[in-house]
Each structure stands twice: as C-alpha cells, then as structure tokens.
Protein backbone atom coordinates (compact mmCIF):
# COMPACT_ATOMS: atom_id res chain seq x y z
CA MET A 1 -4.50 10.84 -8.46
CA ILE A 2 -3.10 7.83 -6.64
CA GLN A 3 -5.33 6.05 -4.15
CA ILE A 4 -3.95 3.51 -1.70
CA LEU A 5 -6.11 0.73 -0.28
CA ARG A 6 -5.28 -1.05 2.96
CA THR A 7 -6.16 -4.71 2.67
CA ASP A 8 -4.60 -8.14 3.21
CA SER A 9 -2.98 -10.76 1.00
CA THR A 10 -6.32 -12.27 -0.04
CA HIS A 11 -7.22 -9.21 -2.15
CA GLN A 12 -7.28 -10.19 -5.82
CA ASP A 13 -5.52 -7.04 -7.07
CA PHE A 14 -2.69 -7.62 -4.57
CA ILE A 15 -2.39 -11.25 -5.72
CA GLU A 16 -2.23 -10.24 -9.40
CA LEU A 17 0.46 -7.60 -8.77
CA VAL A 18 2.53 -10.10 -6.76
CA LYS A 19 2.38 -12.51 -9.71
CA LYS A 20 3.90 -9.77 -11.90
CA LEU A 21 6.54 -9.08 -9.23
CA ASP A 22 7.41 -12.77 -9.02
CA ALA A 23 7.77 -13.00 -12.81
CA ASP A 24 10.16 -10.03 -12.79
CA LEU A 25 12.19 -11.49 -9.92
CA ALA A 26 12.43 -14.87 -11.66
CA ILE A 27 14.19 -13.13 -14.55
CA ARG A 28 16.47 -11.02 -12.34
CA ASP A 29 17.41 -13.75 -9.88
CA GLY A 30 17.68 -16.63 -12.34
CA ALA A 31 18.90 -19.78 -10.64
CA GLU A 32 18.63 -18.17 -7.19
CA ASN A 33 14.91 -17.48 -7.61
CA ASP A 34 13.74 -20.66 -5.88
CA PHE A 35 15.72 -19.75 -2.77
CA TYR A 36 14.06 -16.33 -2.51
CA ALA A 37 10.58 -17.54 -3.50
CA GLN A 38 10.31 -19.72 -0.40
CA PHE A 39 10.43 -16.58 1.79
CA ASN A 40 7.92 -14.59 -0.23
CA LYS A 41 4.70 -16.53 0.22
CA ILE A 42 1.69 -14.27 0.69
CA ASP A 43 -0.82 -16.69 2.20
CA SER A 44 -0.84 -15.09 5.66
CA ILE A 45 -0.02 -11.40 5.25
CA LYS A 46 -2.46 -9.29 7.28
CA TYR A 47 -1.19 -5.86 6.18
CA ALA A 48 -1.07 -5.29 2.43
CA LEU A 49 -1.50 -2.21 0.24
CA VAL A 50 -2.65 -1.76 -3.34
CA ALA A 51 -2.09 1.52 -5.16
CA TYR A 52 -4.58 2.57 -7.82
CA GLU A 53 -4.46 5.15 -10.58
CA ASP A 54 -7.86 5.74 -12.18
CA GLN A 55 -9.16 2.54 -10.52
CA THR A 56 -6.36 0.51 -12.13
CA PRO A 57 -4.09 -1.42 -9.72
CA ILE A 58 -0.52 -0.25 -10.35
CA GLY A 59 1.49 -1.08 -7.23
CA CYS A 60 1.60 -3.01 -3.98
CA GLY A 61 3.50 -3.55 -0.78
CA ALA A 62 3.07 -5.32 2.54
CA ILE A 63 4.39 -5.61 6.06
CA LYS A 64 4.50 -8.53 8.44
CA ALA A 65 5.70 -8.87 11.99
CA PHE A 66 9.41 -9.65 12.22
CA ASP A 67 9.63 -9.43 16.01
CA GLU A 68 7.73 -7.64 18.78
CA LYS A 69 9.10 -4.21 17.77
CA THR A 70 9.87 -4.66 14.07
CA MET A 71 7.87 -5.05 10.88
CA GLU A 72 9.40 -6.51 7.72
CA VAL A 73 8.56 -4.79 4.43
CA LYS A 74 7.60 -7.33 1.77
CA ARG A 75 6.31 -7.56 -1.80
CA MET A 76 7.02 -4.00 -2.95
CA TYR A 77 6.19 -3.59 -6.64
CA VAL A 78 5.06 -0.92 -9.11
CA LEU A 79 4.13 -1.72 -12.70
CA PRO A 80 6.85 -0.56 -15.13
CA LYS A 81 4.46 1.84 -16.90
CA ALA A 82 3.70 3.58 -13.57
CA ARG A 83 7.29 4.00 -12.36
CA GLY A 84 8.99 7.34 -11.88
CA LYS A 85 5.94 8.99 -10.26
CA GLY A 86 6.85 8.44 -6.62
CA ILE A 87 4.28 5.66 -6.13
CA ALA A 88 6.73 3.26 -4.49
CA SER A 89 7.69 5.96 -1.96
CA GLN A 90 4.00 6.61 -1.25
CA LEU A 91 3.44 2.90 -0.65
CA LEU A 92 6.50 2.65 1.57
CA GLN A 93 5.48 5.68 3.63
CA GLU A 94 1.97 4.28 4.06
CA LEU A 95 3.43 0.95 5.22
CA GLU A 96 5.60 2.81 7.75
CA ALA A 97 2.59 4.79 9.00
CA TRP A 98 0.60 1.57 9.37
CA ALA A 99 3.45 -0.07 11.29
CA LYS A 100 3.59 2.93 13.65
CA GLU A 101 -0.18 2.75 14.19
CA LEU A 102 0.32 -0.88 15.19
CA THR A 103 2.98 0.35 17.70
CA TYR A 104 6.01 -1.07 15.88
CA GLU A 105 9.22 0.93 16.17
CA LYS A 106 11.28 -0.20 13.20
CA CYS A 107 11.05 -1.62 9.68
CA VAL A 108 13.53 -3.99 8.08
CA LEU A 109 13.65 -5.45 4.60
CA GLU A 110 15.73 -7.45 2.17
CA THR A 111 16.27 -6.67 -1.48
CA GLY A 112 18.57 -8.07 -4.12
CA LYS A 113 21.70 -6.45 -5.47
CA ARG A 114 20.20 -6.99 -8.95
CA GLN A 115 17.42 -4.51 -8.10
CA PRO A 116 19.17 -1.12 -8.24
CA GLU A 117 15.89 0.81 -8.42
CA ALA A 118 14.75 -0.81 -5.17
CA ILE A 119 18.05 0.02 -3.48
CA ARG A 120 17.70 3.67 -4.56
CA LEU A 121 14.09 3.74 -3.29
CA TYR A 122 15.05 2.55 0.17
CA GLN A 123 18.06 4.85 0.42
CA LYS A 124 15.94 7.81 -0.73
CA ASN A 125 13.47 6.97 2.07
CA ASN A 126 16.20 6.98 4.75
CA TYR A 127 16.73 3.25 5.10
CA GLN A 128 20.22 2.27 6.19
CA ILE A 129 22.10 -0.87 5.19
CA ILE A 130 22.15 -3.32 8.11
CA PRO A 131 23.81 -6.73 8.49
CA ASN A 132 21.94 -9.41 6.57
CA TYR A 133 19.47 -11.08 8.91
CA GLY A 134 17.86 -14.48 9.23
CA GLN A 135 17.81 -16.56 6.08
CA TYR A 136 19.75 -13.84 4.19
CA GLN A 137 22.84 -13.87 6.47
CA ASN A 138 25.24 -15.56 4.09
CA VAL A 139 23.54 -14.69 0.80
CA GLU A 140 25.84 -12.71 -1.49
CA ASN A 141 23.03 -11.22 -3.61
CA SER A 142 21.03 -9.91 -0.62
CA LEU A 143 21.12 -6.43 0.89
CA CYS A 144 19.22 -5.75 4.09
CA PHE A 145 17.98 -2.37 5.24
CA GLY A 146 16.46 -0.97 8.40
CA LYS A 147 14.77 2.22 9.54
CA GLU A 148 13.67 3.48 12.92
CA LEU A 149 10.11 4.81 12.72
C-alpha cells in the first residue's frame, strides 16, 4: 500500500529523492541542465510530498505559489523500480487537493520535451498545454501545462 506524507523541502527523504531526480534530469537535459537547475532549488518549498511503499521512500512532488490563485507543481519524481503503479498520479492528485485546501484555483507546471513519461502523466490527469510562462517563454525544450482545480 502506498502512503503519502505531507511535509516540506527540509524532509530528508524528499531531499534524497530530489537528488535522484536531478541526476536523471542532468542526463536527459545535457548541456541545458544548468539552465533548468537554477529554477528547481528546494530550499524554501513549504508544500512537499513523499510517497512510501513499505516504509521505503519511492516518490515525491511539491507545489509552490506561482501567483495569488495559482500553484506551480515542482519536483515530481518516482523511482524507476516503482513506476507503472499509478504513484505519480496519486502524488499529483494529492498536490492538487492540497492546493485546493489552500484556496488556490489552478495548477501550472513545466516539463521537458525529453520527458515523454511526464508529458503522458500530465495529459492523463487532464492538464492542458498552455503557452510557456516566465523563464520558459522562449525555451524550445520546455512544455508548460495548466489545470483548473
């Protein structure tokens, strides 16, 4: 059974999973990794999740305020050995529920075109492609998504 813990970015299991995510992204993004890494710092994230299977941390995700009505989904990751079980969707749905509890109305996110499994996850969970926002506006490898809650 999967258990999901609400925490923040100081939780050690969250930090360790993000390190694995960053290592994966460094391979996928290659020379562009430094550009993306500057926007993925976790030092001040108040709303983070860690998914556990048999007390083993296997996935994470987070949200942070984007504007007064919108949360941005960040740092979504599931260990390769735990993929294909719907854990990422569970994490995403819990992040959306948390955002709604905090009275936010929408979620947005950015993912890379080199992450087809992430793109499928967001589409499967009713996220729609939106124009690239903020620092991603003119970035060819970026895809941005949004969803009304």
